[in-house]
PDB file of N, CA and C in Angstrom:
ATOM      1  N   UNK A   1     -25.497 -49.254 -12.247  1.00  0.00           N
ATOM      2  CA  UNK A   1     -24.610 -48.490 -13.085  1.00  0.00           C
ATOM      3  C   UNK A   1     -24.668 -47.000 -12.795  1.00  0.00           C
ATOM      4  N   UNK A   2     -25.646 -46.549 -12.037  1.00  0.00           N
ATOM      5  CA  UNK A   2     -25.728 -45.129 -11.720  1.00  0.00           C
ATOM      6  C   UNK A   2     -24.641 -44.692 -10.757  1.00  0.00           C
ATOM      7  N   UNK A   3     -24.035 -45.605 -10.070  1.00  0.00           N
ATOM      8  CA  UNK A   3     -22.988 -45.235  -9.126  1.00  0.00           C
ATOM      9  C   UNK A   3     -21.689 -44.855  -9.836  1.00  0.00           C
ATOM     10  N   UNK A   4     -21.473 -45.329 -11.045  1.00  0.00           N
ATOM     11  CA  UNK A   4     -20.246 -45.019 -11.774  1.00  0.00           C
ATOM     12  C   UNK A   4     -20.114 -43.521 -12.055  1.00  0.00           C
ATOM     13  N   UNK A   5     -21.171 -42.830 -12.560  1.00  0.00           N
ATOM     14  CA  UNK A   5     -21.025 -41.383 -12.762  1.00  0.00           C
ATOM     15  C   UNK A   5     -20.808 -40.641 -11.443  1.00  0.00           C
ATOM     16  N   UNK A   6     -21.464 -41.087 -10.375  1.00  0.00           N
ATOM     17  CA  UNK A   6     -21.260 -40.431  -9.080  1.00  0.00           C
ATOM     18  C   UNK A   6     -19.827 -40.634  -8.589  1.00  0.00           C
ATOM     19  N   UNK A   7     -19.296 -41.834  -8.808  1.00  0.00           N
ATOM     20  CA  UNK A   7     -17.920 -42.096  -8.408  1.00  0.00           C
ATOM     21  C   UNK A   7     -16.936 -41.231  -9.205  1.00  0.00           C
ATOM     22  N   UNK A   8     -17.205 -41.088 -10.496  1.00  0.00           N
ATOM     23  CA  UNK A   8     -16.324 -40.268 -11.339  1.00  0.00           C
ATOM     24  C   UNK A   8     -16.421 -38.804 -10.923  1.00  0.00           C
ATOM     25  N   UNK A   9     -17.662 -38.352 -10.636  1.00  0.00           N
ATOM     26  CA  UNK A   9     -17.829 -36.962 -10.193  1.00  0.00           C
ATOM     27  C   UNK A   9     -17.112 -36.710  -8.865  1.00  0.00           C
ATOM     28  N   UNK A  10     -17.253 -37.627  -7.935  1.00  0.00           N
ATOM     29  CA  UNK A  10     -16.591 -37.441  -6.646  1.00  0.00           C
ATOM     30  C   UNK A  10     -15.074 -37.529  -6.804  1.00  0.00           C
ATOM     31  N   UNK A  11     -14.621 -38.405  -7.718  1.00  0.00           N
ATOM     32  CA  UNK A  11     -13.191 -38.514  -7.981  1.00  0.00           C
ATOM     33  C   UNK A  11     -12.653 -37.212  -8.584  1.00  0.00           C
ATOM     34  N   UNK A  12     -13.392 -36.635  -9.517  1.00  0.00           N
ATOM     35  CA  UNK A  12     -12.985 -35.370 -10.111  1.00  0.00           C
ATOM     36  C   UNK A  12     -13.021 -34.233  -9.084  1.00  0.00           C
ATOM     37  N   UNK A  13     -14.032 -34.253  -8.227  1.00  0.00           N
ATOM     38  CA  UNK A  13     -14.114 -33.240  -7.176  1.00  0.00           C
ATOM     39  C   UNK A  13     -12.930 -33.352  -6.223  1.00  0.00           C
ATOM     40  N   UNK A  14     -12.611 -34.571  -5.818  1.00  0.00           N
ATOM     41  CA  UNK A  14     -11.474 -34.792  -4.926  1.00  0.00           C
ATOM     42  C   UNK A  14     -10.155 -34.393  -5.602  1.00  0.00           C
ATOM     43  N   UNK A  15     -10.029 -34.706  -6.901  1.00  0.00           N
ATOM     44  CA  UNK A  15      -8.816 -34.322  -7.627  1.00  0.00           C
ATOM     45  C   UNK A  15      -8.701 -32.802  -7.692  1.00  0.00           C
ATOM     46  N   UNK A  16      -9.808 -32.108  -7.915  1.00  0.00           N
ATOM     47  CA  UNK A  16      -9.804 -30.642  -7.931  1.00  0.00           C
ATOM     48  C   UNK A  16      -9.418 -30.081  -6.579  1.00  0.00           C
ATOM     49  N   UNK A  17      -9.976 -30.661  -5.514  1.00  0.00           N
ATOM     50  CA  UNK A  17      -9.621 -30.218  -4.162  1.00  0.00           C
ATOM     51  C   UNK A  17      -8.143 -30.472  -3.878  1.00  0.00           C
ATOM     52  N   UNK A  18      -7.639 -31.618  -4.329  1.00  0.00           N
ATOM     53  CA  UNK A  18      -6.228 -31.945  -4.130  1.00  0.00           C
ATOM     54  C   UNK A  18      -5.332 -30.934  -4.832  1.00  0.00           C
ATOM     55  N   UNK A  19      -5.668 -30.589  -6.059  1.00  0.00           N
ATOM     56  CA  UNK A  19      -4.870 -29.625  -6.826  1.00  0.00           C
ATOM     57  C   UNK A  19      -4.904 -28.256  -6.151  1.00  0.00           C
ATOM     58  N   UNK A  20      -6.080 -27.830  -5.679  1.00  0.00           N
ATOM     59  CA  UNK A  20      -6.185 -26.547  -4.987  1.00  0.00           C
ATOM     60  C   UNK A  20      -5.350 -26.546  -3.708  1.00  0.00           C
ATOM     61  N   UNK A  21      -5.431 -27.624  -2.964  1.00  0.00           N
ATOM     62  CA  UNK A  21      -4.668 -27.732  -1.724  1.00  0.00           C
ATOM     63  C   UNK A  21      -3.170 -27.744  -2.011  1.00  0.00           C
ATOM     64  N   UNK A  22      -2.790 -28.457  -3.044  1.00  0.00           N
ATOM     65  CA  UNK A  22      -1.376 -28.549  -3.405  1.00  0.00           C
ATOM     66  C   UNK A  22      -0.822 -27.181  -3.834  1.00  0.00           C
ATOM     67  N   UNK A  23      -1.574 -26.443  -4.644  1.00  0.00           N
ATOM     68  CA  UNK A  23      -1.108 -25.117  -5.067  1.00  0.00           C
ATOM     69  C   UNK A  23      -1.043 -24.160  -3.875  1.00  0.00           C
ATOM     70  N   UNK A  24      -2.011 -24.261  -2.976  1.00  0.00           N
ATOM     71  CA  UNK A  24      -1.985 -23.420  -1.775  1.00  0.00           C
ATOM     72  C   UNK A  24      -0.769 -23.749  -0.909  1.00  0.00           C
ATOM     73  N   UNK A  25      -0.447 -25.025  -0.799  1.00  0.00           N
ATOM     74  CA  UNK A  25       0.732 -25.448  -0.038  1.00  0.00           C
ATOM     75  C   UNK A  25       2.013 -24.911  -0.672  1.00  0.00           C
ATOM     76  N   UNK A  26       2.102 -24.977  -1.987  1.00  0.00           N
ATOM     77  CA  UNK A  26       3.282 -24.450  -2.674  1.00  0.00           C
ATOM     78  C   UNK A  26       3.413 -22.941  -2.481  1.00  0.00           C
ATOM     79  N   UNK A  27       2.280 -22.225  -2.520  1.00  0.00           N
ATOM     80  CA  UNK A  27       2.312 -20.782  -2.287  1.00  0.00           C
ATOM     81  C   UNK A  27       2.802 -20.474  -0.876  1.00  0.00           C
ATOM     82  N   UNK A  28       2.283 -21.214   0.102  1.00  0.00           N
ATOM     83  CA  UNK A  28       2.686 -20.979   1.488  1.00  0.00           C
ATOM     84  C   UNK A  28       4.160 -21.319   1.714  1.00  0.00           C
ATOM     85  N   UNK A  29       4.648 -22.375   1.063  1.00  0.00           N
ATOM     86  CA  UNK A  29       6.065 -22.708   1.179  1.00  0.00           C
ATOM     87  C   UNK A  29       6.926 -21.608   0.565  1.00  0.00           C
ATOM     88  N   UNK A  30       6.499 -21.068  -0.577  1.00  0.00           N
ATOM     89  CA  UNK A  30       7.251 -19.990  -1.224  1.00  0.00           C
ATOM     90  C   UNK A  30       7.266 -18.743  -0.344  1.00  0.00           C
ATOM     91  N   UNK A  31       6.138 -18.419   0.254  1.00  0.00           N
ATOM     92  CA  UNK A  31       6.061 -17.263   1.143  1.00  0.00           C
ATOM     93  C   UNK A  31       6.960 -17.476   2.363  1.00  0.00           C
ATOM     94  N   UNK A  32       6.946 -18.690   2.902  1.00  0.00           N
ATOM     95  CA  UNK A  32       7.779 -19.009   4.065  1.00  0.00           C
ATOM     96  C   UNK A  32       9.260 -18.853   3.735  1.00  0.00           C
ATOM     97  N   UNK A  33       9.684 -19.394   2.601  1.00  0.00           N
ATOM     98  CA  UNK A  33      11.095 -19.281   2.202  1.00  0.00           C
ATOM     99  C   UNK A  33      11.479 -17.831   1.953  1.00  0.00           C
ATOM    100  N   UNK A  34      10.613 -17.091   1.285  1.00  0.00           N
ATOM    101  CA  UNK A  34      10.897 -15.687   1.005  1.00  0.00           C
ATOM    102  C   UNK A  34      11.019 -14.892   2.297  1.00  0.00           C
ATOM    103  N   UNK A  35      10.087 -15.113   3.213  1.00  0.00           N
ATOM    104  CA  UNK A  35      10.141 -14.407   4.495  1.00  0.00           C
ATOM    105  C   UNK A  35      11.401 -14.778   5.270  1.00  0.00           C
ATOM    106  N   UNK A  36      11.783 -16.045   5.217  1.00  0.00           N
ATOM    107  CA  UNK A  36      12.982 -16.496   5.910  1.00  0.00           C
ATOM    108  C   UNK A  36      14.232 -15.831   5.336  1.00  0.00           C
ATOM    109  N   UNK A  37      14.334 -15.804   4.021  1.00  0.00           N
ATOM    110  CA  UNK A  37      15.501 -15.198   3.372  1.00  0.00           C
ATOM    111  C   UNK A  37      15.548 -13.696   3.633  1.00  0.00           C
ATOM    112  N   UNK A  38      14.425 -13.008   3.485  1.00  0.00           N
ATOM    113  CA  UNK A  38      14.400 -11.555   3.669  1.00  0.00           C
ATOM    114  C   UNK A  38      14.705 -11.195   5.122  1.00  0.00           C
ATOM    115  N   UNK A  39      14.105 -11.911   6.071  1.00  0.00           N
ATOM    116  CA  UNK A  39      14.362 -11.591   7.476  1.00  0.00           C
ATOM    117  C   UNK A  39      15.812 -11.861   7.843  1.00  0.00           C
ATOM    118  N   UNK A  40      16.381 -12.914   7.288  1.00  0.00           N
ATOM    119  CA  UNK A  40      17.788 -13.204   7.540  1.00  0.00           C
ATOM    120  C   UNK A  40      18.678 -12.107   6.967  1.00  0.00           C
ATOM    121  N   UNK A  41      18.384 -11.657   5.758  1.00  0.00           N
ATOM    122  CA  UNK A  41      19.178 -10.591   5.148  1.00  0.00           C
ATOM    123  C   UNK A  41      19.042  -9.272   5.902  1.00  0.00           C
ATOM    124  N   UNK A  42      17.836  -8.951   6.346  1.00  0.00           N
ATOM    125  CA  UNK A  42      17.631  -7.705   7.084  1.00  0.00           C
ATOM    126  C   UNK A  42      18.378  -7.751   8.416  1.00  0.00           C
ATOM    127  N   UNK A  43      18.315  -8.894   9.098  1.00  0.00           N
ATOM    128  CA  UNK A  43      19.031  -9.022  10.372  1.00  0.00           C
ATOM    129  C   UNK A  43      20.530  -8.856  10.163  1.00  0.00           C
ATOM    130  N   UNK A  44      21.051  -9.458   9.115  1.00  0.00           N
ATOM    131  CA  UNK A  44      22.481  -9.320   8.836  1.00  0.00           C
ATOM    132  C   UNK A  44      22.839  -7.897   8.457  1.00  0.00           C
ATOM    133  N   UNK A  45      21.967  -7.225   7.712  1.00  0.00           N
ATOM    134  CA  UNK A  45      22.233  -5.834   7.338  1.00  0.00           C
ATOM    135  C   UNK A  45      22.267  -4.924   8.559  1.00  0.00           C
ATOM    136  N   UNK A  46      21.380  -5.157   9.513  1.00  0.00           N
ATOM    137  CA  UNK A  46      21.371  -4.343  10.725  1.00  0.00           C
ATOM    138  C   UNK A  46      22.675  -4.533  11.495  1.00  0.00           C
ATOM    139  N   UNK A  47      23.098  -5.795  11.637  1.00  0.00           N
ATOM    140  CA  UNK A  47      24.354  -6.070  12.334  1.00  0.00           C
ATOM    141  C   UNK A  47      25.524  -5.438  11.585  1.00  0.00           C
ATOM    142  N   UNK A  48      25.524  -5.560  10.249  1.00  0.00           N
ATOM    143  CA  UNK A  48      26.606  -4.965   9.464  1.00  0.00           C
ATOM    144  C   UNK A  48      26.624  -3.437   9.579  1.00  0.00           C
ATOM    145  N   UNK A  49      25.456  -2.823   9.647  1.00  0.00           N
ATOM    146  CA  UNK A  49      25.412  -1.366   9.800  1.00  0.00           C
ATOM    147  C   UNK A  49      25.997  -0.946  11.149  1.00  0.00           C
ATOM    148  N   UNK A  50      25.648  -1.653  12.202  1.00  0.00           N
ATOM    149  CA  UNK A  50      26.177  -1.327  13.527  1.00  0.00           C
ATOM    150  C   UNK A  50      27.693  -1.530  13.553  1.00  0.00           C
ATOM    151  N   UNK A  51      28.139  -2.663  12.992  1.00  0.00           N
ATOM    152  CA  UNK A  51      29.577  -2.907  12.927  1.00  0.00           C
ATOM    153  C   UNK A  51      30.279  -1.872  12.050  1.00  0.00           C
ATOM    154  N   UNK A  52      29.635  -1.447  10.983  1.00  0.00           N
ATOM    155  CA  UNK A  52      30.201  -0.427  10.108  1.00  0.00           C
ATOM    156  C   UNK A  52      30.396   0.901  10.821  1.00  0.00           C
ATOM    157  N   UNK A  53      29.424   1.285  11.637  1.00  0.00           N
ATOM    158  CA  UNK A  53      29.546   2.532  12.392  1.00  0.00           C
ATOM    159  C   UNK A  53      30.704   2.430  13.392  1.00  0.00           C
ATOM    160  N   UNK A  54      30.775   1.294  14.087  1.00  0.00           N
ATOM    161  CA  UNK A  54      31.881   1.090  15.034  1.00  0.00           C
ATOM    162  C   UNK A  54      33.221   1.114  14.309  1.00  0.00           C
ATOM    163  N   UNK A  55      33.281   0.471  13.164  1.00  0.00           N
ATOM    164  CA  UNK A  55      34.507   0.416  12.376  1.00  0.00           C
ATOM    165  C   UNK A  55      34.914   1.805  11.897  1.00  0.00           C
ATOM    166  N   UNK A  56      33.931   2.602  11.501  1.00  0.00           N
ATOM    167  CA  UNK A  56      34.214   3.952  11.031  1.00  0.00           C
ATOM    168  C   UNK A  56      34.781   4.812  12.160  1.00  0.00           C
ATOM    169  N   UNK A  57      34.182   4.723  13.337  1.00  0.00           N
ATOM    170  CA  UNK A  57      34.672   5.495  14.470  1.00  0.00           C
ATOM    171  C   UNK A  57      36.081   5.047  14.856  1.00  0.00           C
ATOM    172  N   UNK A  58      36.323   3.736  14.817  1.00  0.00           N
ATOM    173  CA  UNK A  58      37.658   3.210  15.097  1.00  0.00           C
ATOM    174  C   UNK A  58      38.675   3.747  14.090  1.00  0.00           C
ATOM    175  N   UNK A  59      38.298   3.805  12.823  1.00  0.00           N
ATOM    176  CA  UNK A  59      39.207   4.310  11.796  1.00  0.00           C
ATOM    177  C   UNK A  59      39.493   5.800  11.965  1.00  0.00           C
ATOM    178  N   UNK A  60      38.516   6.547  12.402  1.00  0.00           N
ATOM    179  CA  UNK A  60      38.755   7.971  12.672  1.00  0.00           C
ATOM    180  C   UNK A  60      39.765   8.115  13.804  1.00  0.00           C
ATOM    181  N   UNK A  61      39.604   7.301  14.840  1.00  0.00           N
ATOM    182  CA  UNK A  61      40.558   7.325  15.949  1.00  0.00           C
ATOM    183  C   UNK A  61      41.957   6.939  15.499  1.00  0.00           C
ATOM    184  N   UNK A  62      42.058   5.902  14.665  1.00  0.00           N
ATOM    185  CA  UNK A  62      43.368   5.483  14.152  1.00  0.00           C
ATOM    186  C   UNK A  62      43.983   6.584  13.293  1.00  0.00           C
ATOM    187  N   UNK A  63      43.175   7.221  12.463  1.00  0.00           N
ATOM    188  CA  UNK A  63      43.684   8.298  11.606  1.00  0.00           C
ATOM    189  C   UNK A  63      44.183   9.464  12.451  1.00  0.00           C
ATOM    190  N   UNK A  64      43.449   9.792  13.506  1.00  0.00           N
ATOM    191  CA  UNK A  64      43.901  10.883  14.373  1.00  0.00           C
ATOM    192  C   UNK A  64      45.186  10.508  15.105  1.00  0.00           C
ATOM    193  N   UNK A  65      45.300   9.253  15.523  1.00  0.00           N
ATOM    194  CA  UNK A  65      46.514   8.802  16.204  1.00  0.00           C
ATOM    195  C   UNK A  65      47.719   8.843  15.272  1.00  0.00           C
ATOM    196  N   UNK A  66      47.545   8.318  14.051  1.00  0.00           N
ATOM    197  CA  UNK A  66      48.642   8.352  13.074  1.00  0.00           C
ATOM    198  C   UNK A  66      48.999   9.795  12.731  1.00  0.00           C
ATOM    199  N   UNK A  67      47.975  10.645  12.611  1.00  0.00           N
ATOM    200  CA  UNK A  67      48.224  12.056  12.335  1.00  0.00           C
ATOM    201  C   UNK A  67      49.006  12.731  13.440  1.00  0.00           C
ATOM    202  N   UNK A  68      48.693  12.356  14.679  1.00  0.00           N
ATOM    203  CA  UNK A  68      49.443  12.918  15.805  1.00  0.00           C
ATOM    204  C   UNK A  68      50.901  12.461  15.759  1.00  0.00           C
ATOM    205  N   UNK A  69      51.119  11.201  15.408  1.00  0.00           N
ATOM    206  CA  UNK A  69      52.487  10.679  15.300  1.00  0.00           C
ATOM    207  C   UNK A  69      53.265  11.377  14.182  1.00  0.00           C
ATOM    208  N   UNK A  70      52.561  11.694  13.069  1.00  0.00           N
ATOM    209  CA  UNK A  70      53.234  12.307  11.924  1.00  0.00           C
ATOM    210  C   UNK A  70      53.307  13.831  12.025  1.00  0.00           C
ATOM    211  N   UNK A  71      52.619  14.421  12.989  1.00  0.00           N
ATOM    212  CA  UNK A  71      52.718  15.866  13.186  1.00  0.00           C
ATOM    213  C   UNK A  71      51.520  16.657  12.706  1.00  0.00           C
ATOM    214  N   UNK A  72      50.782  16.165  11.746  1.00  0.00           N
ATOM    215  CA  UNK A  72      49.584  16.854  11.234  1.00  0.00           C
ATOM    216  C   UNK A  72      48.440  15.837  11.202  1.00  0.00           C
ATOM    217  N   UNK A  73      47.261  16.237  11.671  1.00  0.00           N
ATOM    218  CA  UNK A  73      46.135  15.300  11.734  1.00  0.00           C
ATOM    219  C   UNK A  73      45.729  14.767  10.362  1.00  0.00           C
ATOM    220  N   UNK A  74      45.764  15.631   9.371  1.00  0.00           N
ATOM    221  CA  UNK A  74      45.303  15.178   8.053  1.00  0.00           C
ATOM    222  C   UNK A  74      46.230  14.148   7.426  1.00  0.00           C
ATOM    223  N   UNK A  75      47.488  14.079   7.846  1.00  0.00           N
ATOM    224  CA  UNK A  75      48.386  13.025   7.350  1.00  0.00           C
ATOM    225  C   UNK A  75      47.853  11.637   7.731  1.00  0.00           C
ATOM    226  N   UNK A  76      47.339  11.534   8.917  1.00  0.00           N
ATOM    227  CA  UNK A  76      46.772  10.258   9.353  1.00  0.00           C
ATOM    228  C   UNK A  76      45.599   9.836   8.492  1.00  0.00           C
ATOM    229  N   UNK A  77      44.764  10.800   8.114  1.00  0.00           N
ATOM    230  CA  UNK A  77      43.628  10.476   7.245  1.00  0.00           C
ATOM    231  C   UNK A  77      44.106  10.064   5.852  1.00  0.00           C
ATOM    232  N   UNK A  78      45.171  10.690   5.371  1.00  0.00           N
ATOM    233  CA  UNK A  78      45.730  10.278   4.082  1.00  0.00           C
ATOM    234  C   UNK A  78      46.260   8.852   4.141  1.00  0.00           C
ATOM    235  N   UNK A  79      46.935   8.511   5.220  1.00  0.00           N
ATOM    236  CA  UNK A  79      47.484   7.162   5.371  1.00  0.00           C
ATOM    237  C   UNK A  79      46.351   6.138   5.426  1.00  0.00           C
ATOM    238  N   UNK A  80      45.329   6.406   6.216  1.00  0.00           N
ATOM    239  CA  UNK A  80      44.196   5.470   6.332  1.00  0.00           C
ATOM    240  C   UNK A  80      43.458   5.367   4.999  1.00  0.00           C
ATOM    241  N   UNK A  81      43.264   6.485   4.322  1.00  0.00           N
ATOM    242  CA  UNK A  81      42.593   6.461   3.017  1.00  0.00           C
ATOM    243  C   UNK A  81      43.407   5.675   1.997  1.00  0.00           C
ATOM    244  N   UNK A  82      44.727   5.847   2.013  1.00  0.00           N
ATOM    245  CA  UNK A  82      45.588   5.079   1.104  1.00  0.00           C
ATOM    246  C   UNK A  82      45.504   3.590   1.384  1.00  0.00           C
ATOM    247  N   UNK A  83      45.479   3.224   2.662  1.00  0.00           N
ATOM    248  CA  UNK A  83      45.355   1.818   3.032  1.00  0.00           C
ATOM    249  C   UNK A  83      44.051   1.232   2.493  1.00  0.00           C
ATOM    250  N   UNK A  84      42.943   1.957   2.693  1.00  0.00           N
ATOM    251  CA  UNK A  84      41.659   1.445   2.206  1.00  0.00           C
ATOM    252  C   UNK A  84      41.543   1.500   0.685  1.00  0.00           C
ATOM    253  N   UNK A  85      42.240   2.430   0.062  1.00  0.00           N
ATOM    254  CA  UNK A  85      42.272   2.439  -1.406  1.00  0.00           C
ATOM    255  C   UNK A  85      42.933   1.187  -1.950  1.00  0.00           C
ATOM    256  N   UNK A  86      44.066   0.807  -1.364  1.00  0.00           N
ATOM    257  CA  UNK A  86      44.758  -0.420  -1.783  1.00  0.00           C
ATOM    258  C   UNK A  86      43.902  -1.643  -1.471  1.00  0.00           C
ATOM    259  N   UNK A  87      43.294  -1.659  -0.284  1.00  0.00           N
ATOM    260  CA  UNK A  87      42.422  -2.783   0.083  1.00  0.00           C
ATOM    261  C   UNK A  87      41.226  -2.882  -0.871  1.00  0.00           C
ATOM    262  N   UNK A  88      40.692  -1.719  -1.285  1.00  0.00           N
ATOM    263  CA  UNK A  88      39.575  -1.710  -2.231  1.00  0.00           C
ATOM    264  C   UNK A  88      39.970  -2.252  -3.594  1.00  0.00           C
ATOM    265  N   UNK A  89      41.159  -1.917  -4.058  1.00  0.00           N
ATOM    266  CA  UNK A  89      41.636  -2.447  -5.337  1.00  0.00           C
ATOM    267  C   UNK A  89      41.820  -3.967  -5.276  1.00  0.00           C
ATOM    268  N   UNK A  90      42.362  -4.446  -4.168  1.00  0.00           N
ATOM    269  CA  UNK A  90      42.535  -5.894  -4.006  1.00  0.00           C
ATOM    270  C   UNK A  90      41.175  -6.589  -3.966  1.00  0.00           C
ATOM    271  N   UNK A  91      40.226  -6.018  -3.228  1.00  0.00           N
ATOM    272  CA  UNK A  91      38.872  -6.603  -3.164  1.00  0.00           C
ATOM    273  C   UNK A  91      38.186  -6.564  -4.526  1.00  0.00           C
ATOM    274  N   UNK A  92      38.371  -5.480  -5.274  1.00  0.00           N
ATOM    275  CA  UNK A  92      37.768  -5.381  -6.600  1.00  0.00           C
ATOM    276  C   UNK A  92      38.335  -6.435  -7.543  1.00  0.00           C
ATOM    277  N   UNK A  93      39.620  -6.711  -7.410  1.00  0.00           N
ATOM    278  CA  UNK A  93      40.244  -7.726  -8.255  1.00  0.00           C
ATOM    279  C   UNK A  93      39.697  -9.120  -7.961  1.00  0.00           C
ATOM    280  N   UNK A  94      39.409  -9.397  -6.689  1.00  0.00           N
ATOM    281  CA  UNK A  94      38.965 -10.732  -6.275  1.00  0.00           C
ATOM    282  C   UNK A  94      37.493 -10.782  -5.884  1.00  0.00           C
ATOM    283  N   UNK A  95      36.685  -9.849  -6.372  1.00  0.00           N
ATOM    284  CA  UNK A  95      35.296  -9.766  -5.924  1.00  0.00           C
ATOM    285  C   UNK A  95      34.470 -11.006  -6.256  1.00  0.00           C
ATOM    286  N   UNK A  96      34.733 -11.651  -7.397  1.00  0.00           N
ATOM    287  CA  UNK A  96      33.943 -12.837  -7.747  1.00  0.00           C
ATOM    288  C   UNK A  96      34.203 -13.993  -6.789  1.00  0.00           C
ATOM    289  N   UNK A  97      35.469 -14.219  -6.440  1.00  0.00           N
ATOM    290  CA  UNK A  97      35.789 -15.342  -5.558  1.00  0.00           C
ATOM    291  C   UNK A  97      35.495 -15.033  -4.100  1.00  0.00           C
ATOM    292  N   UNK A  98      35.675 -13.806  -3.673  1.00  0.00           N
ATOM    293  CA  UNK A  98      35.513 -13.465  -2.269  1.00  0.00           C
ATOM    294  C   UNK A  98      34.107 -13.052  -1.897  1.00  0.00           C
ATOM    295  N   UNK A  99      33.358 -12.449  -2.828  1.00  0.00           N
ATOM    296  CA  UNK A  99      32.061 -11.879  -2.471  1.00  0.00           C
ATOM    297  C   UNK A  99      30.914 -12.538  -3.241  1.00  0.00           C
ATOM    298  N   UNK A 100      30.990 -12.532  -4.567  1.00  0.00           N
ATOM    299  CA  UNK A 100      29.860 -12.949  -5.386  1.00  0.00           C
ATOM    300  C   UNK A 100      29.507 -14.424  -5.199  1.00  0.00           C
ATOM    301  N   UNK A 101      30.475 -15.311  -5.329  1.00  0.00           N
ATOM    302  CA  UNK A 101      30.189 -16.746  -5.207  1.00  0.00           C
ATOM    303  C   UNK A 101      29.736 -17.140  -3.803  1.00  0.00           C
ATOM    304  N   UNK A 102      30.434 -16.725  -2.742  1.00  0.00           N
ATOM    305  CA  UNK A 102      29.963 -17.116  -1.405  1.00  0.00           C
ATOM    306  C   UNK A 102      28.584 -16.547  -1.063  1.00  0.00           C
ATOM    307  N   UNK A 103      28.326 -15.309  -1.469  1.00  0.00           N
ATOM    308  CA  UNK A 103      27.017 -14.718  -1.192  1.00  0.00           C
ATOM    309  C   UNK A 103      25.921 -15.428  -1.978  1.00  0.00           C
ATOM    310  N   UNK A 104      26.170 -15.702  -3.248  1.00  0.00           N
ATOM    311  CA  UNK A 104      25.192 -16.436  -4.053  1.00  0.00           C
ATOM    312  C   UNK A 104      24.929 -17.823  -3.503  1.00  0.00           C
ATOM    313  N   UNK A 105      25.983 -18.513  -3.098  1.00  0.00           N
ATOM    314  CA  UNK A 105      25.813 -19.849  -2.517  1.00  0.00           C
ATOM    315  C   UNK A 105      25.044 -19.797  -1.212  1.00  0.00           C
ATOM    316  N   UNK A 106      25.289 -18.778  -0.392  1.00  0.00           N
ATOM    317  CA  UNK A 106      24.573 -18.662   0.883  1.00  0.00           C
ATOM    318  C   UNK A 106      23.086 -18.415   0.657  1.00  0.00           C
ATOM    319  N   UNK A 107      22.749 -17.576  -0.320  1.00  0.00           N
ATOM    320  CA  UNK A 107      21.343 -17.309  -0.618  1.00  0.00           C
ATOM    321  C   UNK A 107      20.669 -18.564  -1.161  1.00  0.00           C
ATOM    322  N   UNK A 108      21.319 -19.266  -2.087  1.00  0.00           N
ATOM    323  CA  UNK A 108      20.740 -20.488  -2.647  1.00  0.00           C
ATOM    324  C   UNK A 108      20.558 -21.541  -1.556  1.00  0.00           C
ATOM    325  N   UNK A 109      21.549 -21.671  -0.690  1.00  0.00           N
ATOM    326  CA  UNK A 109      21.461 -22.653   0.395  1.00  0.00           C
ATOM    327  C   UNK A 109      20.308 -22.309   1.338  1.00  0.00           C
ATOM    328  N   UNK A 110      20.108 -21.021   1.613  1.00  0.00           N
ATOM    329  CA  UNK A 110      19.025 -20.595   2.489  1.00  0.00           C
ATOM    330  C   UNK A 110      17.671 -20.874   1.842  1.00  0.00           C
ATOM    331  N   UNK A 111      17.564 -20.681   0.528  1.00  0.00           N
ATOM    332  CA  UNK A 111      16.294 -20.915  -0.168  1.00  0.00           C
ATOM    333  C   UNK A 111      15.982 -22.406  -0.229  1.00  0.00           C
ATOM    334  N   UNK A 112      16.989 -23.226  -0.484  1.00  0.00           N
ATOM    335  CA  UNK A 112      16.749 -24.661  -0.663  1.00  0.00           C
ATOM    336  C   UNK A 112      16.634 -25.415   0.659  1.00  0.00           C
ATOM    337  N   UNK A 113      16.951 -24.762   1.760  1.00  0.00           N
ATOM    338  CA  UNK A 113      16.874 -25.432   3.052  1.00  0.00           C
ATOM    339  C   UNK A 113      15.467 -25.706   3.449  1.00  0.00           C
TER     340      UNK A 113
END
């Protein structure tokens, strides 16, 4: 009958080790997912910044071209600014469907993957 307490002690020890291992595994999985999501977002932000700079330079060129066509350089900047003002209003009206939901779904999908 002395083996029963030893068996219970070893069973409790193994259960404690299992719980510790399981919590450590969950922590490592959480760290892995977080690192994956953050690195993906940072990579996309870098690409978006580079594309944004290119887009800005392109828009300056377009504004100067339109300004040359209209006779004054600043007219071109007014036209480009008006275009982006209208585009901004349209985007603001549809921000939930165009930006918020797809971005939220992409983040959730990346976390659950």
